[in-house]
Protein backbone atom coordinates (compact mmCIF):
# COMPACT_ATOMS: atom_id res chain seq x y z
CA MET A 1 18.29 16.26 7.96
CA THR A 2 18.26 15.28 4.28
CA GLU A 3 15.73 17.23 2.22
CA LEU A 4 15.40 14.56 -0.45
CA LEU A 5 15.57 10.79 0.04
CA PHE A 6 15.51 8.49 -2.98
CA ILE A 7 14.37 4.92 -2.27
CA ALA A 8 15.10 1.95 -4.53
CA PHE A 9 16.26 -1.65 -4.57
CA SER A 10 19.97 -2.18 -5.17
CA ASN A 11 19.30 -4.57 -8.07
CA ARG A 12 17.41 -1.84 -9.94
CA LEU A 13 20.45 -0.30 -11.57
CA ASP A 14 18.26 2.08 -13.58
CA ALA A 15 16.77 3.45 -10.35
CA VAL A 16 20.17 3.82 -8.69
CA GLU A 17 21.57 5.61 -11.74
CA LEU A 18 18.51 7.89 -11.92
CA ALA A 19 18.87 8.81 -8.24
CA HIS A 20 22.51 9.80 -8.70
CA ASN A 21 21.81 11.77 -11.86
CA VAL A 22 18.85 13.66 -10.46
CA GLY A 23 20.42 14.09 -7.03
CA GLY A 24 23.58 15.53 -8.59
CA GLN A 25 21.55 17.95 -10.67
CA LEU A 26 19.49 19.16 -7.72
CA ALA A 27 22.55 19.41 -5.48
CA GLU A 28 23.70 22.23 -7.74
CA GLU A 29 20.56 24.06 -6.63
CA GLY A 30 21.47 23.62 -2.96
CA ILE A 31 19.20 20.63 -2.29
CA THR A 32 20.67 17.93 -0.06
CA TRP A 33 19.89 14.35 -1.00
CA ALA A 34 20.62 10.72 -0.17
CA LEU A 35 19.85 7.29 -1.61
CA TYR A 36 18.43 4.54 0.61
CA LEU A 37 18.51 0.97 -0.69
CA LEU A 38 15.60 -1.11 0.51
CA ASP A 39 17.74 -4.23 0.95
CA SER A 40 19.86 -2.38 3.51
CA GLU A 41 19.53 -3.40 7.16
CA LYS A 42 20.23 0.11 8.44
CA PRO A 43 17.12 2.32 8.75
CA PRO A 44 17.08 5.52 6.68
CA SER A 45 17.45 9.00 8.15
CA LEU A 46 14.33 11.10 7.60
CA ASP A 47 11.79 13.28 9.35
CA SER A 48 8.49 14.98 8.51
CA LEU A 49 10.27 17.54 6.30
CA THR A 50 11.95 14.93 4.10
CA LEU A 51 10.62 14.36 0.60
CA VAL A 52 10.71 10.60 -0.07
CA VAL A 53 11.02 9.69 -3.76
CA SER A 54 10.12 6.11 -4.67
CA LEU A 55 12.00 4.81 -7.73
CA GLY A 56 10.58 1.55 -9.05
CA GLY A 57 7.24 -0.19 -9.29
CA ASP A 58 4.25 -0.53 -6.98
CA GLY A 59 6.20 -2.74 -4.55
CA THR A 60 8.90 -0.11 -4.11
CA PHE A 61 6.26 2.55 -3.57
CA LEU A 62 4.53 0.52 -0.84
CA LYS A 63 7.81 0.14 1.05
CA ALA A 64 8.63 3.82 0.57
CA ALA A 65 5.15 4.81 1.77
CA ARG A 66 5.60 2.71 4.90
CA LEU A 67 8.89 4.46 5.69
CA ALA A 68 7.46 7.89 4.95
CA HIS A 69 4.35 7.24 7.04
CA GLY A 70 6.43 6.42 10.10
CA SER A 71 7.88 9.92 10.07
CA GLY A 72 4.97 11.86 8.62
CA ALA A 73 7.01 12.55 5.47
CA ARG A 74 5.61 13.02 2.00
CA VAL A 75 6.22 10.47 -0.75
CA LEU A 76 6.55 11.06 -4.49
CA ALA A 77 5.83 8.00 -6.65
CA VAL A 78 8.02 7.68 -9.77
CA ASN A 79 7.04 4.86 -12.11
CA LEU A 80 9.93 2.68 -13.30
CA GLY A 81 7.78 -0.43 -13.34
CA ARG A 82 5.70 -2.03 -16.08
CA VAL A 83 2.17 -1.46 -14.80
CA GLY A 84 2.37 0.97 -11.90
CA PHE A 85 -1.25 1.39 -10.86
CA LEU A 86 -0.14 3.43 -7.83
CA LEU A 87 2.40 5.62 -9.59
CA ASN A 88 1.81 8.78 -11.57
CA VAL A 89 5.21 10.38 -12.26
CA PRO A 90 7.19 9.19 -15.30
CA PRO A 91 11.00 9.36 -14.99
CA THR A 92 11.14 12.07 -17.65
CA GLU A 93 9.24 14.42 -15.31
CA ILE A 94 10.99 13.61 -12.04
CA VAL A 95 13.04 16.80 -11.73
CA GLU A 96 10.15 19.19 -12.31
CA ASN A 97 7.94 17.23 -9.89
CA ILE A 98 10.59 17.24 -7.17
CA ARG A 99 11.06 20.99 -7.61
CA GLY A 100 7.30 21.47 -7.41
CA ALA A 101 7.04 19.31 -4.29
CA ILE A 102 9.82 21.23 -2.55
CA ALA A 103 8.13 24.52 -3.42
CA SER A 104 4.66 23.38 -2.29
CA ASP A 105 3.24 21.24 0.50
CA ALA A 106 0.25 20.06 -1.56
CA VAL A 107 -0.53 16.41 -0.84
CA SER A 108 -3.16 13.76 -1.48
CA GLU A 109 -3.96 12.05 1.81
CA ARG A 110 -4.44 8.30 1.36
CA LEU A 111 -6.37 6.22 3.86
CA ALA A 112 -4.15 3.59 5.51
CA LEU A 113 -5.01 0.63 7.74
CA GLN A 114 -4.08 -0.25 11.32
CA ILE A 115 -3.98 -3.96 12.11
CA SER A 116 -4.10 -5.67 15.52
CA VAL A 117 -4.39 -9.34 16.47
CA SER A 118 -5.96 -10.80 19.60
CA GLY A 119 -3.52 -12.41 22.02
CA SER A 120 -0.47 -10.96 20.30
CA GLU A 121 1.60 -7.79 20.02
CA VAL A 122 0.92 -7.37 16.31
CA ASN A 123 0.27 -3.69 15.58
CA GLU A 124 0.90 -3.13 11.90
CA PHE A 125 0.35 -0.68 9.07
CA ALA A 126 -0.89 -1.28 5.52
CA LEU A 127 -1.58 1.05 2.61
CA ASN A 128 -2.98 -1.43 0.09
CA GLU A 129 -4.60 -4.32 1.93
CA VAL A 130 -4.50 -6.84 4.75
CA VAL A 131 -5.29 -10.46 3.93
CA VAL A 132 -6.23 -13.48 6.04
CA GLU A 133 -5.25 -16.41 3.83
CA ARG A 134 -4.91 -20.17 4.05
CA ALA A 135 -1.78 -21.41 5.77
CA SER A 136 -1.22 -24.38 3.44
CA ALA A 137 -2.27 -25.50 -0.02
CA GLY A 138 -5.41 -27.57 -0.16
CA HIS A 139 -6.82 -26.24 3.11
CA MET A 140 -9.16 -23.29 2.84
CA VAL A 141 -9.81 -20.94 5.73
CA LYS A 142 -13.16 -20.32 7.37
CA VAL A 143 -13.47 -16.69 8.41
CA LYS A 144 -16.37 -15.06 10.22
CA THR A 145 -16.60 -11.31 9.58
CA TYR A 146 -17.89 -8.53 11.81
CA VAL A 147 -18.29 -4.81 11.23
CA ASN A 148 -18.48 -2.82 14.47
CA ASP A 149 -19.44 -6.01 16.36
CA GLU A 150 -22.28 -6.75 13.96
CA GLU A 151 -21.88 -10.19 12.38
CA TYR A 152 -21.75 -10.19 8.59
CA LEU A 153 -20.81 -13.17 6.41
CA THR A 154 -18.78 -16.29 7.14
CA TYR A 155 -16.51 -17.21 4.25
CA ALA A 156 -14.98 -20.56 3.39
CA ALA A 157 -12.31 -19.43 0.96
CA ASP A 158 -8.65 -19.18 0.06
CA GLY A 159 -8.72 -15.94 2.01
CA VAL A 160 -10.48 -12.68 2.83
CA MET A 161 -9.04 -9.18 2.57
CA VAL A 162 -9.69 -5.61 3.57
CA ALA A 163 -8.46 -3.19 0.91
CA THR A 164 -8.15 0.57 0.87
CA PRO A 165 -9.13 2.76 -2.09
CA THR A 166 -5.43 3.03 -2.96
CA GLY A 167 -5.17 -0.77 -2.90
CA SER A 168 -8.38 -1.35 -4.81
CA THR A 169 -6.42 -1.71 -8.08
CA GLY A 170 -4.11 -4.37 -6.58
CA TYR A 171 -4.97 -7.75 -5.08
CA ASN A 172 -8.55 -6.59 -4.53
CA PHE A 173 -8.95 -5.97 -8.26
CA SER A 174 -7.43 -9.37 -9.12
CA ALA A 175 -9.88 -11.04 -6.74
CA GLY A 176 -12.85 -9.40 -8.44
CA GLY A 177 -13.30 -6.44 -6.10
CA PRO A 178 -14.32 -2.94 -7.23
CA VAL A 179 -11.92 -0.25 -8.38
CA VAL A 180 -12.33 2.82 -6.16
CA ASP A 181 -10.94 6.32 -6.57
CA ALA A 182 -8.06 6.81 -4.12
CA SER A 183 -9.59 10.02 -2.74
CA MET A 184 -12.56 8.19 -1.22
CA ALA A 185 -12.75 7.30 2.48
CA LEU A 186 -13.87 3.68 2.77
CA MET A 187 -12.73 0.07 3.19
CA ILE A 188 -13.49 -2.88 0.93
CA VAL A 189 -14.02 -6.45 2.16
CA THR A 190 -13.33 -8.93 -0.65
CA PRO A 191 -13.24 -12.76 -0.44
CA ILE A 192 -10.57 -14.66 -2.38
CA ALA A 193 -11.84 -17.71 -4.30
CA PRO A 194 -14.78 -18.36 -1.93
CA HIS A 195 -16.26 -21.84 -1.86
CA PHE A 196 -20.03 -22.10 -2.23
CA THR A 197 -20.72 -18.65 -0.84
CA ILE A 198 -21.21 -15.08 -1.97
CA ASP A 199 -18.27 -13.74 -3.97
CA ARG A 200 -19.18 -10.05 -3.93
CA SER A 201 -17.29 -7.35 -2.06
CA ILE A 202 -18.72 -5.34 0.82
CA VAL A 203 -17.88 -1.62 1.06
CA VAL A 204 -18.01 0.06 4.48
CA PRO A 205 -17.27 3.60 5.76
CA GLU A 206 -13.77 4.41 6.98
CA ASP A 207 -14.86 4.86 10.62
CA LYS A 208 -15.89 1.20 11.03
CA VAL A 209 -13.84 -1.56 12.67
CA ILE A 210 -13.68 -4.81 10.71
CA ARG A 211 -12.96 -8.04 12.56
CA PHE A 212 -12.07 -11.41 11.03
CA VAL A 213 -12.36 -14.47 13.27
CA THR A 214 -10.72 -17.66 12.02
CA GLU A 215 -12.45 -20.99 12.50
CA GLU A 216 -11.33 -24.62 12.05
CA ASN A 217 -7.96 -24.07 10.29
CA PRO A 218 -4.99 -21.78 11.00
CA ALA A 219 -4.39 -18.82 8.70
CA VAL A 220 -1.59 -16.49 7.67
CA LEU A 221 -1.88 -12.71 8.00
CA VAL A 222 -0.38 -10.66 5.18
CA ALA A 223 -0.17 -6.86 4.89
CA ASP A 224 0.90 -5.24 1.61
CA GLY A 225 2.50 -8.52 0.55
CA ARG A 226 4.43 -9.00 3.83
CA THR A 227 3.64 -11.85 6.20
CA ILE A 228 3.10 -10.18 9.58
CA GLY A 229 1.72 -13.05 11.65
CA SER A 230 -0.54 -16.06 11.87
CA LEU A 231 -3.97 -16.80 13.29
CA GLN A 232 -5.02 -19.94 15.11
CA PRO A 233 -8.67 -21.03 15.15
CA GLY A 234 -10.57 -18.65 17.43
CA GLN A 235 -8.09 -15.79 17.09
CA PHE A 236 -9.19 -12.61 15.39
CA VAL A 237 -7.67 -9.66 13.59
CA GLU A 238 -9.12 -6.15 13.76
CA ILE A 239 -8.64 -3.69 10.92
CA ARG A 240 -9.43 0.00 11.22
CA GLN A 241 -8.48 3.29 9.66
CA ASN A 242 -4.99 4.39 10.65
CA VAL A 243 -5.03 7.66 12.58
CA SER A 244 -2.49 9.11 10.12
CA PRO A 245 -2.95 9.00 6.35
CA VAL A 246 -0.14 8.44 3.88
CA ARG A 247 0.85 11.81 2.42
CA VAL A 248 1.36 11.39 -1.32
CA VAL A 249 2.66 14.41 -3.23
CA ALA A 250 -0.08 15.99 -5.33
CA THR A 251 1.28 16.13 -8.88
CA ARG A 252 -0.16 16.80 -12.32
CA SER A 253 -3.62 15.47 -13.06
CA PHE A 254 -3.52 11.72 -13.59
CA ASP A 255 -7.04 10.52 -12.99
CA LEU A 256 -8.29 7.02 -12.35
CA ALA A 257 -9.63 6.57 -15.89
CA THR A 258 -6.23 7.38 -17.40
CA ARG A 259 -4.42 5.07 -14.96
CA LEU A 260 -6.76 2.19 -15.75
CA ARG A 261 -6.47 2.62 -19.51
CA ARG A 262 -2.69 2.90 -19.49
CA SER A 263 -1.97 0.30 -16.84
CA LEU A 264 -4.33 -2.34 -18.14
CA ARG A 265 -3.13 -1.87 -21.71
CA GLU A 266 0.54 -2.06 -20.70
CA GLY A 267 -0.05 -4.87 -18.20
CA HIS A 268 -1.67 -7.08 -20.83
CA ALA A 269 0.54 -6.19 -23.79
């Protein structure tokens, strides 16, 4: 089995070139490697011992994390994007971080989500967030929320999401939700453009089960930017902590404050 698996999109020529350059250098040290292109239809070959290296932006990392999670592999996040809230390894430090990861099993375990839908076979994974959103422009969704069977708020909004701490700097942040350190164990419920109702987020412990019940209008279900299903009025989606965390390689200190300062400055340059 390949020790090192680089993951990138084929149209990111800089990522493909970096993979070949770094892979060739490490091959001289006896490390086997391969490059998997995310627009390929063939699944990659990996197991729990494979080190997955994401080359790109946050979107590439989310796809790499999904692949790594399925096999219990570790993932190293290299930032070739512009903002890169989720990424903490610059390309100039990729070789030393790969060597360090191969020499050590140190990881940061990130809470992930498990998603199921009533009356369907949907059983999905998300690292950032899961969103119930309106199915068509001009028609908001009405979503009743429950936490462990206790009824909370009913939102009339463009959508409602559950975000993880890792995903708190993504869509959740854009929707006005709180930024949370990725090491924390919790889930964040954030409405998206709510109409005439509370617009604050609700933070709950990781051991709770969150249920969204759609009313009146159909909705679309999106996980980490991927459409995974739809909800008809009366259907519900349940979101809970995934039994297995995403294993992100623990690298040099790159705390939340530094990420926010750098990413926000670069993202709004």
